């Protein structure tokens, strides 16, 4: 599961304000899930019981299985990513499908249910869905045929084309008609022209790139190595590297949360057999570094509520039953604990 944080929109907007005398259309009324916190529960392998919970942090009300409640059927997949783009919510299951729902009430709007293998994430560009996919495993459990699937309808449908990319593509971000793809296994960023539906450039980076984000008017990439992490920014006029920041943080998992004042929280884990997990705290725009900000075991997801200054830390509890959520303040002090579904892995703050 690659999930590290859940974003509202990956599209970097450079807006030109257009004035016209045409009367604006009325805005969509806000629904129950247009505010609060969405908790993504991956689910367990074999059971495919991934689901989304909703938390109202003001009242403390926690609603479970909101996809099933809205649609009268279980999600029935391993939930890999949760994406809000193009005024729709996209639920990506690495078991081979994408569900499209109304973000206010989670009622179904459409789906991609065939043509995918192991989808990881998604972005919307040029009126189309672009879905990163590991592709099928070969006899050695490699993924030599990874691709970006193109669906020419933002509400789902058939896979119209598969764009070959480097092995194990993860996160993507749109800029104009272009899409940047994080190729995690081969340490590459591939640039796709969304209109032509083809790769036009490849950028070599260090580590295992996993997450794009926006800060200080730039697109950034987070990448992890064995004993360090990398933060890259890009020149967007020619898609070349602009800056590279390297921090000596070991065992970073690729899961990240974006706090206030340019502070970032990185989930680390020593893995089997010790599973010494922790949270490192860094500032990309400054010299601050605290590689041992918080420690524990079983950490599986992370998110930050900027409005309340609270860090949400998910614990899988070894997938022995449901997981739990611990809420911390910005000093690392525990505030409260919450229940979750199986394998909680990420959060969307709305």
C-alpha atoms as a PDB file:
ATOM      1  CA  UNK A   1       0.000   0.000   0.000  1.00  0.00           C
ATOM      2  CA  UNK A   2       1.594   3.195  -1.080  1.00  0.00           C
ATOM      3  CA  UNK A   3      -0.706   5.593   0.578  1.00  0.00           C
ATOM      4  CA  UNK A   4       0.999   8.335   2.563  1.00  0.00           C
ATOM      5  CA  UNK A   5      -1.391  11.202   2.596  1.00  0.00           C
ATOM      6  CA  UNK A   6      -4.678  11.982   0.865  1.00  0.00           C
ATOM      7  CA  UNK A   7      -4.846  15.025  -1.248  1.00  0.00           C
ATOM      8  CA  UNK A   8      -7.766  17.233  -2.218  1.00  0.00           C
ATOM      9  CA  UNK A   9      -6.428  17.909  -5.727  1.00  0.00           C
ATOM     10  CA  UNK A  10      -3.155  17.214  -7.406  1.00  0.00           C
ATOM     11  CA  UNK A  11      -3.714  19.729 -10.154  1.00  0.00           C
ATOM     12  CA  UNK A  12      -1.376  22.725  -9.907  1.00  0.00           C
ATOM     13  CA  UNK A  13      -3.576  25.676 -10.881  1.00  0.00           C
ATOM     14  CA  UNK A  14      -2.286  28.740 -12.686  1.00  0.00           C
ATOM     15  CA  UNK A  15      -5.544  30.618 -12.957  1.00  0.00           C
ATOM     16  CA  UNK A  16      -6.519  33.343 -15.423  1.00  0.00           C
ATOM     17  CA  UNK A  17      -9.668  35.066 -14.176  1.00  0.00           C
ATOM     18  CA  UNK A  18     -12.201  35.301 -16.983  1.00  0.00           C
ATOM     19  CA  UNK A  19     -15.038  37.794 -16.780  1.00  0.00           C
ATOM     20  CA  UNK A  20     -18.297  37.388 -18.670  1.00  0.00           C
ATOM     21  CA  UNK A  21     -21.871  38.506 -18.425  1.00  0.00           C
ATOM     22  CA  UNK A  22     -23.094  34.927 -18.268  1.00  0.00           C
ATOM     23  CA  UNK A  23     -24.817  34.229 -14.974  1.00  0.00           C
ATOM     24  CA  UNK A  24     -22.926  31.752 -12.836  1.00  0.00           C
ATOM     25  CA  UNK A  25     -24.459  28.350 -12.245  1.00  0.00           C
ATOM     26  CA  UNK A  26     -25.573  27.726  -8.660  1.00  0.00           C
ATOM     27  CA  UNK A  27     -23.045  25.892  -6.536  1.00  0.00           C
ATOM     28  CA  UNK A  28     -23.704  22.308  -5.518  1.00  0.00           C
ATOM     29  CA  UNK A  29     -25.154  22.205  -1.990  1.00  0.00           C
ATOM     30  CA  UNK A  30     -22.647  20.882   0.525  1.00  0.00           C
ATOM     31  CA  UNK A  31     -23.207  17.312   1.589  1.00  0.00           C
ATOM     32  CA  UNK A  32     -22.446  15.542   4.835  1.00  0.00           C
ATOM     33  CA  UNK A  33     -19.003  14.390   3.688  1.00  0.00           C
ATOM     34  CA  UNK A  34     -17.908  17.682   2.129  1.00  0.00           C
ATOM     35  CA  UNK A  35     -16.454  18.613   5.509  1.00  0.00           C
ATOM     36  CA  UNK A  36     -14.736  16.669   8.255  1.00  0.00           C
ATOM     37  CA  UNK A  37     -12.148  13.919   7.919  1.00  0.00           C
ATOM     38  CA  UNK A  38     -12.286  10.868   5.648  1.00  0.00           C
ATOM     39  CA  UNK A  39     -10.384   7.832   6.927  1.00  0.00           C
ATOM     40  CA  UNK A  40      -9.227   5.396   4.281  1.00  0.00           C
ATOM     41  CA  UNK A  41      -9.154   1.776   5.421  1.00  0.00           C
ATOM     42  CA  UNK A  42      -7.228  -0.404   2.999  1.00  0.00           C
ATOM     43  CA  UNK A  43      -8.818  -3.692   4.015  1.00  0.00           C
ATOM     44  CA  UNK A  44      -7.191  -7.100   4.313  1.00  0.00           C
ATOM     45  CA  UNK A  45      -5.815  -9.248   1.527  1.00  0.00           C
ATOM     46  CA  UNK A  46      -8.257 -11.909   0.448  1.00  0.00           C
ATOM     47  CA  UNK A  47     -11.216 -10.386   2.266  1.00  0.00           C
ATOM     48  CA  UNK A  48     -11.016  -7.237   0.087  1.00  0.00           C
ATOM     49  CA  UNK A  49     -12.913  -5.305   2.737  1.00  0.00           C
ATOM     50  CA  UNK A  50     -11.519  -1.816   2.167  1.00  0.00           C
ATOM     51  CA  UNK A  51     -13.836   1.044   3.135  1.00  0.00           C
ATOM     52  CA  UNK A  52     -14.027   4.720   4.060  1.00  0.00           C
ATOM     53  CA  UNK A  53     -15.002   6.125   7.457  1.00  0.00           C
ATOM     54  CA  UNK A  54     -16.085   9.722   8.100  1.00  0.00           C
ATOM     55  CA  UNK A  55     -15.230  11.680  11.247  1.00  0.00           C
ATOM     56  CA  UNK A  56     -16.866  14.927  12.316  1.00  0.00           C
ATOM     57  CA  UNK A  57     -14.037  16.315  14.481  1.00  0.00           C
ATOM     58  CA  UNK A  58     -16.312  18.927  16.024  1.00  0.00           C
ATOM     59  CA  UNK A  59     -18.881  16.488  17.404  1.00  0.00           C
ATOM     60  CA  UNK A  60     -16.663  13.392  17.493  1.00  0.00           C
ATOM     61  CA  UNK A  61     -19.229  11.452  15.420  1.00  0.00           C
ATOM     62  CA  UNK A  62     -17.602   8.604  13.493  1.00  0.00           C
ATOM     63  CA  UNK A  63     -19.493   6.891  10.652  1.00  0.00           C
ATOM     64  CA  UNK A  64     -18.210   3.595   9.273  1.00  0.00           C
ATOM     65  CA  UNK A  65     -18.491   2.060   5.799  1.00  0.00           C
ATOM     66  CA  UNK A  66     -19.916   5.139   4.124  1.00  0.00           C
ATOM     67  CA  UNK A  67     -19.537   3.744   0.587  1.00  0.00           C
ATOM     68  CA  UNK A  68     -21.643   0.690   1.439  1.00  0.00           C
ATOM     69  CA  UNK A  69     -24.197   2.787   3.304  1.00  0.00           C
ATOM     70  CA  UNK A  70     -24.631   5.103   0.315  1.00  0.00           C
ATOM     71  CA  UNK A  71     -24.791   2.420  -2.377  1.00  0.00           C
ATOM     72  CA  UNK A  72     -26.236  -0.675  -0.739  1.00  0.00           C
ATOM     73  CA  UNK A  73     -23.207  -2.794  -1.627  1.00  0.00           C
ATOM     74  CA  UNK A  74     -19.718  -3.221  -0.168  1.00  0.00           C
ATOM     75  CA  UNK A  75     -16.754  -1.514  -1.780  1.00  0.00           C
ATOM     76  CA  UNK A  76     -15.272  -4.990  -2.323  1.00  0.00           C
ATOM     77  CA  UNK A  77     -11.633  -4.147  -2.924  1.00  0.00           C
ATOM     78  CA  UNK A  78      -8.322  -3.217  -1.335  1.00  0.00           C
ATOM     79  CA  UNK A  79      -8.482   0.574  -1.142  1.00  0.00           C
ATOM     80  CA  UNK A  80      -5.213   2.063  -2.377  1.00  0.00           C
ATOM     81  CA  UNK A  81      -5.911   5.756  -2.864  1.00  0.00           C
ATOM     82  CA  UNK A  82      -8.638   8.324  -2.331  1.00  0.00           C
ATOM     83  CA  UNK A  83      -8.566  11.335  -4.647  1.00  0.00           C
ATOM     84  CA  UNK A  84     -10.675  14.467  -4.975  1.00  0.00           C
ATOM     85  CA  UNK A  85     -10.395  15.995  -8.441  1.00  0.00           C
ATOM     86  CA  UNK A  86     -12.749  17.474 -11.025  1.00  0.00           C
ATOM     87  CA  UNK A  87     -15.463  17.809  -8.313  1.00  0.00           C
ATOM     88  CA  UNK A  88     -15.594  14.013  -7.992  1.00  0.00           C
ATOM     89  CA  UNK A  89     -14.189  11.560  -5.474  1.00  0.00           C
ATOM     90  CA  UNK A  90     -12.227   8.615  -6.859  1.00  0.00           C
ATOM     91  CA  UNK A  91     -11.650   5.430  -4.851  1.00  0.00           C
ATOM     92  CA  UNK A  92      -8.769   3.434  -6.336  1.00  0.00           C
ATOM     93  CA  UNK A  93      -8.580  -0.269  -5.463  1.00  0.00           C
ATOM     94  CA  UNK A  94      -5.351  -2.120  -6.203  1.00  0.00           C
ATOM     95  CA  UNK A  95      -7.529  -5.169  -6.801  1.00  0.00           C
ATOM     96  CA  UNK A  96      -8.378  -3.772 -10.234  1.00  0.00           C
ATOM     97  CA  UNK A  97     -11.039  -1.070 -10.185  1.00  0.00           C
ATOM     98  CA  UNK A  98     -11.828   2.595  -9.618  1.00  0.00           C
ATOM     99  CA  UNK A  99     -15.122   3.765  -8.128  1.00  0.00           C
ATOM    100  CA  UNK A 100     -16.351   7.321  -8.825  1.00  0.00           C
ATOM    101  CA  UNK A 101     -18.637   8.865  -6.202  1.00  0.00           C
ATOM    102  CA  UNK A 102     -20.321  12.124  -5.312  1.00  0.00           C
ATOM    103  CA  UNK A 103     -18.021  13.650  -2.671  1.00  0.00           C
ATOM    104  CA  UNK A 104     -20.915  14.982  -0.605  1.00  0.00           C
ATOM    105  CA  UNK A 105     -22.798  11.738  -0.027  1.00  0.00           C
ATOM    106  CA  UNK A 106     -20.614   8.995  -1.625  1.00  0.00           C
ATOM    107  CA  UNK A 107     -23.325   7.826  -4.005  1.00  0.00           C
ATOM    108  CA  UNK A 108     -21.945   6.135  -7.107  1.00  0.00           C
ATOM    109  CA  UNK A 109     -21.437   8.141 -10.301  1.00  0.00           C
ATOM    110  CA  UNK A 110     -19.547   5.552 -12.322  1.00  0.00           C
ATOM    111  CA  UNK A 111     -16.614   3.153 -12.275  1.00  0.00           C
ATOM    112  CA  UNK A 112     -13.742   1.524 -14.121  1.00  0.00           C
ATOM    113  CA  UNK A 113     -14.202  -2.181 -13.463  1.00  0.00           C
ATOM    114  CA  UNK A 114     -12.206  -3.879 -16.214  1.00  0.00           C
ATOM    115  CA  UNK A 115      -8.917  -3.420 -18.052  1.00  0.00           C
ATOM    116  CA  UNK A 116      -6.890  -2.666 -14.906  1.00  0.00           C
ATOM    117  CA  UNK A 117      -4.430  -4.886 -13.026  1.00  0.00           C
ATOM    118  CA  UNK A 118      -3.018  -3.221  -9.887  1.00  0.00           C
ATOM    119  CA  UNK A 119      -3.999   0.463  -9.990  1.00  0.00           C
ATOM    120  CA  UNK A 120      -2.237   2.768  -7.553  1.00  0.00           C
ATOM    121  CA  UNK A 121      -3.409   6.333  -8.084  1.00  0.00           C
ATOM    122  CA  UNK A 122      -5.197   8.649 -10.477  1.00  0.00           C
ATOM    123  CA  UNK A 123      -5.288  12.143 -11.916  1.00  0.00           C
ATOM    124  CA  UNK A 124      -7.738  13.971 -14.196  1.00  0.00           C
ATOM    125  CA  UNK A 125      -6.475  15.836 -17.256  1.00  0.00           C
ATOM    126  CA  UNK A 126      -7.952  16.927 -20.602  1.00  0.00           C
ATOM    127  CA  UNK A 127     -11.325  15.409 -19.719  1.00  0.00           C
ATOM    128  CA  UNK A 128      -9.797  11.974 -19.118  1.00  0.00           C
ATOM    129  CA  UNK A 129      -8.717   9.738 -16.258  1.00  0.00           C
ATOM    130  CA  UNK A 130      -5.082   8.700 -16.082  1.00  0.00           C
ATOM    131  CA  UNK A 131      -4.582   5.758 -13.718  1.00  0.00           C
ATOM    132  CA  UNK A 132      -1.145   4.528 -12.627  1.00  0.00           C
ATOM    133  CA  UNK A 133      -0.974   0.723 -12.640  1.00  0.00           C
ATOM    134  CA  UNK A 134       1.781  -1.732 -11.747  1.00  0.00           C
ATOM    135  CA  UNK A 135       0.519  -4.087 -14.425  1.00  0.00           C
ATOM    136  CA  UNK A 136       0.440  -7.873 -13.991  1.00  0.00           C
ATOM    137  CA  UNK A 137       3.067  -9.777 -12.022  1.00  0.00           C
ATOM    138  CA  UNK A 138       5.445 -12.001 -13.978  1.00  0.00           C
ATOM    139  CA  UNK A 139       6.647 -15.424 -12.748  1.00  0.00           C
ATOM    140  CA  UNK A 140       9.166 -13.724 -10.440  1.00  0.00           C
ATOM    141  CA  UNK A 141       6.632 -11.223  -9.055  1.00  0.00           C
ATOM    142  CA  UNK A 142       8.209  -8.429 -11.063  1.00  0.00           C
ATOM    143  CA  UNK A 143       6.171  -5.778 -12.862  1.00  0.00           C
ATOM    144  CA  UNK A 144       7.858  -5.295 -16.264  1.00  0.00           C
ATOM    145  CA  UNK A 145       4.632  -4.156 -17.930  1.00  0.00           C
ATOM    146  CA  UNK A 146       3.637  -1.182 -15.774  1.00  0.00           C
ATOM    147  CA  UNK A 147       1.489   1.460 -17.432  1.00  0.00           C
ATOM    148  CA  UNK A 148      -0.759   4.483 -17.160  1.00  0.00           C
ATOM    149  CA  UNK A 149      -4.311   3.549 -18.142  1.00  0.00           C
ATOM    150  CA  UNK A 150      -6.316   6.150 -20.061  1.00  0.00           C
ATOM    151  CA  UNK A 151     -10.099   6.333 -19.623  1.00  0.00           C
ATOM    152  CA  UNK A 152     -11.652   8.970 -21.856  1.00  0.00           C
ATOM    153  CA  UNK A 153     -14.458   9.876 -19.487  1.00  0.00           C
ATOM    154  CA  UNK A 154     -14.059  11.398 -16.034  1.00  0.00           C
ATOM    155  CA  UNK A 155     -16.933   9.263 -14.714  1.00  0.00           C
ATOM    156  CA  UNK A 156     -15.272   5.998 -15.707  1.00  0.00           C
ATOM    157  CA  UNK A 157     -15.866   3.471 -18.448  1.00  0.00           C
ATOM    158  CA  UNK A 158     -13.457   1.431 -20.531  1.00  0.00           C
ATOM    159  CA  UNK A 159      -9.666   1.622 -20.625  1.00  0.00           C
ATOM    160  CA  UNK A 160      -8.958   3.122 -24.042  1.00  0.00           C
ATOM    161  CA  UNK A 161      -5.159   3.021 -23.981  1.00  0.00           C
ATOM    162  CA  UNK A 162      -2.227   1.898 -21.840  1.00  0.00           C
ATOM    163  CA  UNK A 163       0.880   4.119 -21.842  1.00  0.00           C
ATOM    164  CA  UNK A 164       4.011   2.127 -20.979  1.00  0.00           C
ATOM    165  CA  UNK A 165       6.082   3.624 -18.154  1.00  0.00           C
ATOM    166  CA  UNK A 166       8.864   2.502 -15.813  1.00  0.00           C
ATOM    167  CA  UNK A 167       8.171  -0.165 -13.219  1.00  0.00           C
ATOM    168  CA  UNK A 168       5.783   0.492 -10.345  1.00  0.00           C
ATOM    169  CA  UNK A 169       4.322   3.944 -11.061  1.00  0.00           C
ATOM    170  CA  UNK A 170       2.815   5.563  -7.996  1.00  0.00           C
ATOM    171  CA  UNK A 171       1.602   9.114  -7.547  1.00  0.00           C
ATOM    172  CA  UNK A 172       0.824  11.571 -10.376  1.00  0.00           C
ATOM    173  CA  UNK A 173       0.233  15.299 -10.631  1.00  0.00           C
ATOM    174  CA  UNK A 174      -1.149  17.432 -13.453  1.00  0.00           C
ATOM    175  CA  UNK A 175       0.233  20.735 -14.735  1.00  0.00           C
ATOM    176  CA  UNK A 176      -1.561  22.193 -17.713  1.00  0.00           C
ATOM    177  CA  UNK A 177      -1.909  19.434 -20.294  1.00  0.00           C
ATOM    178  CA  UNK A 178       1.004  17.519 -18.766  1.00  0.00           C
ATOM    179  CA  UNK A 179       1.171  14.799 -16.135  1.00  0.00           C
ATOM    180  CA  UNK A 180       4.190  13.914 -13.985  1.00  0.00           C
ATOM    181  CA  UNK A 181       4.415  10.254 -12.935  1.00  0.00           C
ATOM    182  CA  UNK A 182       6.503   8.969 -10.012  1.00  0.00           C
ATOM    183  CA  UNK A 183       8.209   5.766 -11.193  1.00  0.00           C
ATOM    184  CA  UNK A 184       9.082   4.278  -7.822  1.00  0.00           C
ATOM    185  CA  UNK A 185      11.175   1.242  -8.760  1.00  0.00           C
ATOM    186  CA  UNK A 186      13.413   2.726 -11.444  1.00  0.00           C
ATOM    187  CA  UNK A 187      13.874   6.177  -9.832  1.00  0.00           C
ATOM    188  CA  UNK A 188      12.276   8.103 -12.673  1.00  0.00           C
ATOM    189  CA  UNK A 189       9.753  10.852 -13.254  1.00  0.00           C
ATOM    190  CA  UNK A 190       8.004  10.489 -16.574  1.00  0.00           C
ATOM    191  CA  UNK A 191       6.172  13.405 -18.195  1.00  0.00           C
ATOM    192  CA  UNK A 192       3.051  12.567 -20.197  1.00  0.00           C
ATOM    193  CA  UNK A 193       1.338  14.813 -22.724  1.00  0.00           C
ATOM    194  CA  UNK A 194      -2.305  14.195 -21.803  1.00  0.00           C
ATOM    195  CA  UNK A 195      -3.639  15.281 -25.177  1.00  0.00           C
ATOM    196  CA  UNK A 196      -1.267  13.052 -27.156  1.00  0.00           C
ATOM    197  CA  UNK A 197      -1.422  10.311 -24.494  1.00  0.00           C
ATOM    198  CA  UNK A 198       2.317   9.607 -24.674  1.00  0.00           C
ATOM    199  CA  UNK A 199       5.487  10.023 -22.611  1.00  0.00           C
ATOM    200  CA  UNK A 200       7.476  13.013 -23.836  1.00  0.00           C
ATOM    201  CA  UNK A 201      10.280  13.169 -21.270  1.00  0.00           C
ATOM    202  CA  UNK A 202      11.988  11.162 -18.510  1.00  0.00           C
ATOM    203  CA  UNK A 203      13.774  12.709 -15.510  1.00  0.00           C
ATOM    204  CA  UNK A 204      16.208  10.684 -13.404  1.00  0.00           C
ATOM    205  CA  UNK A 205      15.959  11.144  -9.611  1.00  0.00           C
ATOM    206  CA  UNK A 206      17.363   9.472  -6.508  1.00  0.00           C
ATOM    207  CA  UNK A 207      15.620   6.994  -4.237  1.00  0.00           C
ATOM    208  CA  UNK A 208      12.133   5.649  -4.737  1.00  0.00           C
ATOM    209  CA  UNK A 209       9.835   8.528  -5.723  1.00  0.00           C
ATOM    210  CA  UNK A 210       6.362   8.249  -4.250  1.00  0.00           C
ATOM    211  CA  UNK A 211       4.463  11.515  -3.679  1.00  0.00           C
ATOM    212  CA  UNK A 212       4.011  14.824  -5.511  1.00  0.00           C
ATOM    213  CA  UNK A 213       2.790  17.939  -3.746  1.00  0.00           C
ATOM    214  CA  UNK A 214       2.575  21.699  -4.198  1.00  0.00           C
ATOM    215  CA  UNK A 215       4.394  24.299  -2.069  1.00  0.00           C
ATOM    216  CA  UNK A 216       5.729  27.816  -2.591  1.00  0.00           C
ATOM    217  CA  UNK A 217       4.297  27.913  -6.113  1.00  0.00           C
ATOM    218  CA  UNK A 218       6.196  24.813  -7.218  1.00  0.00           C
ATOM    219  CA  UNK A 219       5.619  21.129  -7.830  1.00  0.00           C
ATOM    220  CA  UNK A 220       7.681  18.988  -5.472  1.00  0.00           C
ATOM    221  CA  UNK A 221       8.452  15.285  -5.320  1.00  0.00           C
ATOM    222  CA  UNK A 222       9.100  13.235  -2.190  1.00  0.00           C
ATOM    223  CA  UNK A 223      11.420  10.240  -2.630  1.00  0.00           C
ATOM    224  CA  UNK A 224      12.905   7.784  -0.136  1.00  0.00           C
ATOM    225  CA  UNK A 225      16.255   5.983   0.102  1.00  0.00           C
ATOM    226  CA  UNK A 226      17.699   3.528   2.609  1.00  0.00           C
ATOM    227  CA  UNK A 227      19.265   6.175   4.824  1.00  0.00           C
ATOM    228  CA  UNK A 228      18.002   9.459   3.377  1.00  0.00           C
ATOM    229  CA  UNK A 229      14.989  11.181   1.873  1.00  0.00           C
ATOM    230  CA  UNK A 230      14.882  13.511  -1.116  1.00  0.00           C
ATOM    231  CA  UNK A 231      12.732  16.524  -1.910  1.00  0.00           C
ATOM    232  CA  UNK A 232      12.887  17.700  -5.517  1.00  0.00           C
ATOM    233  CA  UNK A 233      11.355  20.715  -7.205  1.00  0.00           C
ATOM    234  CA  UNK A 234      10.993  21.195 -10.950  1.00  0.00           C
ATOM    235  CA  UNK A 235      11.284  23.864 -13.608  1.00  0.00           C
ATOM    236  CA  UNK A 236       7.853  23.628 -15.179  1.00  0.00           C
ATOM    237  CA  UNK A 237       8.755  25.372 -18.434  1.00  0.00           C
ATOM    238  CA  UNK A 238      11.055  22.551 -19.543  1.00  0.00           C
ATOM    239  CA  UNK A 239      10.485  19.840 -16.910  1.00  0.00           C
ATOM    240  CA  UNK A 240      13.979  19.734 -15.473  1.00  0.00           C
ATOM    241  CA  UNK A 241      15.075  19.508 -11.840  1.00  0.00           C
ATOM    242  CA  UNK A 242      15.238  22.878 -10.070  1.00  0.00           C
ATOM    243  CA  UNK A 243      16.306  22.024  -6.508  1.00  0.00           C
ATOM    244  CA  UNK A 244      17.288  18.940  -4.530  1.00  0.00           C
ATOM    245  CA  UNK A 245      17.131  18.736  -0.732  1.00  0.00           C
ATOM    246  CA  UNK A 246      18.445  15.609   1.009  1.00  0.00           C
ATOM    247  CA  UNK A 247      17.829  14.738   4.669  1.00  0.00           C
ATOM    248  CA  UNK A 248      19.533  11.940   6.652  1.00  0.00           C
ATOM    249  CA  UNK A 249      16.419   9.992   7.633  1.00  0.00           C
ATOM    250  CA  UNK A 250      16.577   6.199   7.526  1.00  0.00           C
ATOM    251  CA  UNK A 251      13.778   3.709   6.862  1.00  0.00           C
ATOM    252  CA  UNK A 252      11.302   6.242   5.461  1.00  0.00           C
ATOM    253  CA  UNK A 253       8.227   4.477   4.107  1.00  0.00           C
ATOM    254  CA  UNK A 254       7.065   7.036   1.558  1.00  0.00           C
ATOM    255  CA  UNK A 255       4.077   8.069   3.667  1.00  0.00           C
ATOM    256  CA  UNK A 256       4.008  11.766   4.476  1.00  0.00           C
ATOM    257  CA  UNK A 257       1.744  14.394   6.032  1.00  0.00           C
ATOM    258  CA  UNK A 258       1.930  18.138   5.453  1.00  0.00           C
ATOM    259  CA  UNK A 259       1.645  20.250   8.572  1.00  0.00           C
ATOM    260  CA  UNK A 260       1.570  23.953   9.313  1.00  0.00           C
ATOM    261  CA  UNK A 261       4.505  26.317   8.767  1.00  0.00           C
ATOM    262  CA  UNK A 262       6.048  24.079   6.062  1.00  0.00           C
ATOM    263  CA  UNK A 263       6.594  21.254   8.553  1.00  0.00           C
ATOM    264  CA  UNK A 264       6.330  17.728   7.192  1.00  0.00           C
ATOM    265  CA  UNK A 265       5.838  14.475   9.075  1.00  0.00           C
ATOM    266  CA  UNK A 266       7.444  11.360   7.584  1.00  0.00           C
ATOM    267  CA  UNK A 267       6.484   7.833   8.614  1.00  0.00           C
ATOM    268  CA  UNK A 268       9.480   5.524   9.167  1.00  0.00           C
ATOM    269  CA  UNK A 269       9.676   1.791   9.864  1.00  0.00           C
ATOM    270  CA  UNK A 270      12.484  -0.692  10.373  1.00  0.00           C
ATOM    271  CA  UNK A 271      10.217  -3.428   9.014  1.00  0.00           C
ATOM    272  CA  UNK A 272      10.290  -7.095   9.900  1.00  0.00           C
ATOM    273  CA  UNK A 273      11.155  -8.465  12.439  1.00  0.00           C
ATOM    274  CA  UNK A 274      11.469  -5.465  14.776  1.00  0.00           C
ATOM    275  CA  UNK A 275       8.893  -3.043  13.372  1.00  0.00           C
ATOM    276  CA  UNK A 276      10.359  -0.047  15.149  1.00  0.00           C
ATOM    277  CA  UNK A 277       8.204   2.694  13.690  1.00  0.00           C
ATOM    278  CA  UNK A 278       8.433   6.429  14.068  1.00  0.00           C
ATOM    279  CA  UNK A 279       7.618   9.880  12.789  1.00  0.00           C
ATOM    280  CA  UNK A 280      10.368  12.199  11.579  1.00  0.00           C
ATOM    281  CA  UNK A 281       9.728  15.932  11.380  1.00  0.00           C
ATOM    282  CA  UNK A 282      11.398  18.094   8.724  1.00  0.00           C
ATOM    283  CA  UNK A 283      10.983  21.467   7.035  1.00  0.00           C
ATOM    284  CA  UNK A 284      11.845  21.533   3.347  1.00  0.00           C
ATOM    285  CA  UNK A 285      12.004  25.324   3.316  1.00  0.00           C
ATOM    286  CA  UNK A 286      14.194  25.567   6.410  1.00  0.00           C
ATOM    287  CA  UNK A 287      16.894  23.782   8.411  1.00  0.00           C
ATOM    288  CA  UNK A 288      14.615  22.074  10.953  1.00  0.00           C
ATOM    289  CA  UNK A 289      15.122  18.344  11.313  1.00  0.00           C
ATOM    290  CA  UNK A 290      13.927  15.964  14.037  1.00  0.00           C
ATOM    291  CA  UNK A 291      14.328  12.341  12.867  1.00  0.00           C
ATOM    292  CA  UNK A 292      12.911  10.922  16.115  1.00  0.00           C
ATOM    293  CA  UNK A 293       9.909  13.147  16.748  1.00  0.00           C
ATOM    294  CA  UNK A 294       7.604  10.253  17.754  1.00  0.00           C
ATOM    295  CA  UNK A 295       8.036   6.484  18.068  1.00  0.00           C
ATOM    296  CA  UNK A 296       5.945   3.333  18.352  1.00  0.00           C
ATOM    297  CA  UNK A 297       5.005   0.303  16.271  1.00  0.00           C
ATOM    298  CA  UNK A 298       2.333  -0.720  13.776  1.00  0.00           C
ATOM    299  CA  UNK A 299       2.097   2.698  12.073  1.00  0.00           C
ATOM    300  CA  UNK A 300       0.383   2.403   8.699  1.00  0.00           C
ATOM    301  CA  UNK A 301      -0.949   5.830   7.742  1.00  0.00           C
ATOM    302  CA  UNK A 302      -0.581   9.498   8.549  1.00  0.00           C
ATOM    303  CA  UNK A 303      -2.421  12.775   7.981  1.00  0.00           C
ATOM    304  CA  UNK A 304      -2.534  16.308   9.340  1.00  0.00           C
ATOM    305  CA  UNK A 305      -5.497  18.547  10.127  1.00  0.00           C
ATOM    306  CA  UNK A 306      -4.145  22.046   9.527  1.00  0.00           C
ATOM    307  CA  UNK A 307      -7.229  23.787  10.901  1.00  0.00           C
ATOM    308  CA  UNK A 308      -6.820  22.167  14.306  1.00  0.00           C
ATOM    309  CA  UNK A 309      -3.071  21.583  14.280  1.00  0.00           C
ATOM    310  CA  UNK A 310      -3.521  17.839  14.862  1.00  0.00           C
ATOM    311  CA  UNK A 311      -1.644  14.848  13.485  1.00  0.00           C
ATOM    312  CA  UNK A 312      -3.633  11.666  12.773  1.00  0.00           C
ATOM    313  CA  UNK A 313      -1.620   8.467  13.058  1.00  0.00           C
ATOM    314  CA  UNK A 314      -3.114   5.163  11.886  1.00  0.00           C
ATOM    315  CA  UNK A 315      -2.145   1.815  13.396  1.00  0.00           C
ATOM    316  CA  UNK A 316      -2.947  -1.435  11.567  1.00  0.00           C
ATOM    317  CA  UNK A 317      -2.643  -3.526  14.745  1.00  0.00           C
ATOM    318  CA  UNK A 318      -0.960  -6.161  12.628  1.00  0.00           C
ATOM    319  CA  UNK A 319      -4.188  -6.619  10.616  1.00  0.00           C
ATOM    320  CA  UNK A 320      -5.480  -8.681  13.529  1.00  0.00           C
ATOM    321  CA  UNK A 321      -8.940  -7.195  13.468  1.00  0.00           C
ATOM    322  CA  UNK A 322      -9.593  -3.499  12.960  1.00  0.00           C
ATOM    323  CA  UNK A 323      -7.074  -0.714  13.315  1.00  0.00           C
ATOM    324  CA  UNK A 324      -6.981   2.355  15.542  1.00  0.00           C
ATOM    325  CA  UNK A 325      -6.230   6.063  15.155  1.00  0.00           C
ATOM    326  CA  UNK A 326      -4.171   8.170  17.558  1.00  0.00           C
ATOM    327  CA  UNK A 327      -4.497  11.952  17.396  1.00  0.00           C
ATOM    328  CA  UNK A 328      -1.455  14.012  18.441  1.00  0.00           C
ATOM    329  CA  UNK A 329      -0.914  17.723  18.886  1.00  0.00           C
ATOM    330  CA  UNK A 330       1.992  19.569  17.264  1.00  0.00           C
ATOM    331  CA  UNK A 331       4.193  18.753  20.256  1.00  0.00           C
ATOM    332  CA  UNK A 332       3.634  15.014  19.879  1.00  0.00           C
ATOM    333  CA  UNK A 333       1.312  14.733  22.878  1.00  0.00           C
ATOM    334  CA  UNK A 334      -1.563  12.260  22.611  1.00  0.00           C
ATOM    335  CA  UNK A 335      -5.002  13.876  22.522  1.00  0.00           C
ATOM    336  CA  UNK A 336      -7.417  10.989  21.869  1.00  0.00           C
ATOM    337  CA  UNK A 337      -7.887   7.618  20.212  1.00  0.00           C
ATOM    338  CA  UNK A 338     -10.423   6.459  17.623  1.00  0.00           C
ATOM    339  CA  UNK A 339     -11.573   3.193  16.117  1.00  0.00           C
ATOM    340  CA  UNK A 340     -11.148   2.503  12.418  1.00  0.00           C
ATOM    341  CA  UNK A 341     -11.653  -0.242   9.868  1.00  0.00           C
ATOM    342  CA  UNK A 342      -9.184  -2.880   8.696  1.00  0.00           C
ATOM    343  CA  UNK A 343      -5.771  -1.473   7.778  1.00  0.00           C
ATOM    344  CA  UNK A 344      -6.278   2.294   8.161  1.00  0.00           C
ATOM    345  CA  UNK A 345      -3.805   3.869   5.757  1.00  0.00           C
ATOM    346  CA  UNK A 346      -4.584   7.512   5.075  1.00  0.00           C
ATOM    347  CA  UNK A 347      -6.732  10.573   5.670  1.00  0.00           C
ATOM    348  CA  UNK A 348      -8.397  13.329   3.707  1.00  0.00           C
ATOM    349  CA  UNK A 349      -9.075  16.542   5.584  1.00  0.00           C
ATOM    350  CA  UNK A 350     -12.054  18.323   4.052  1.00  0.00           C
END
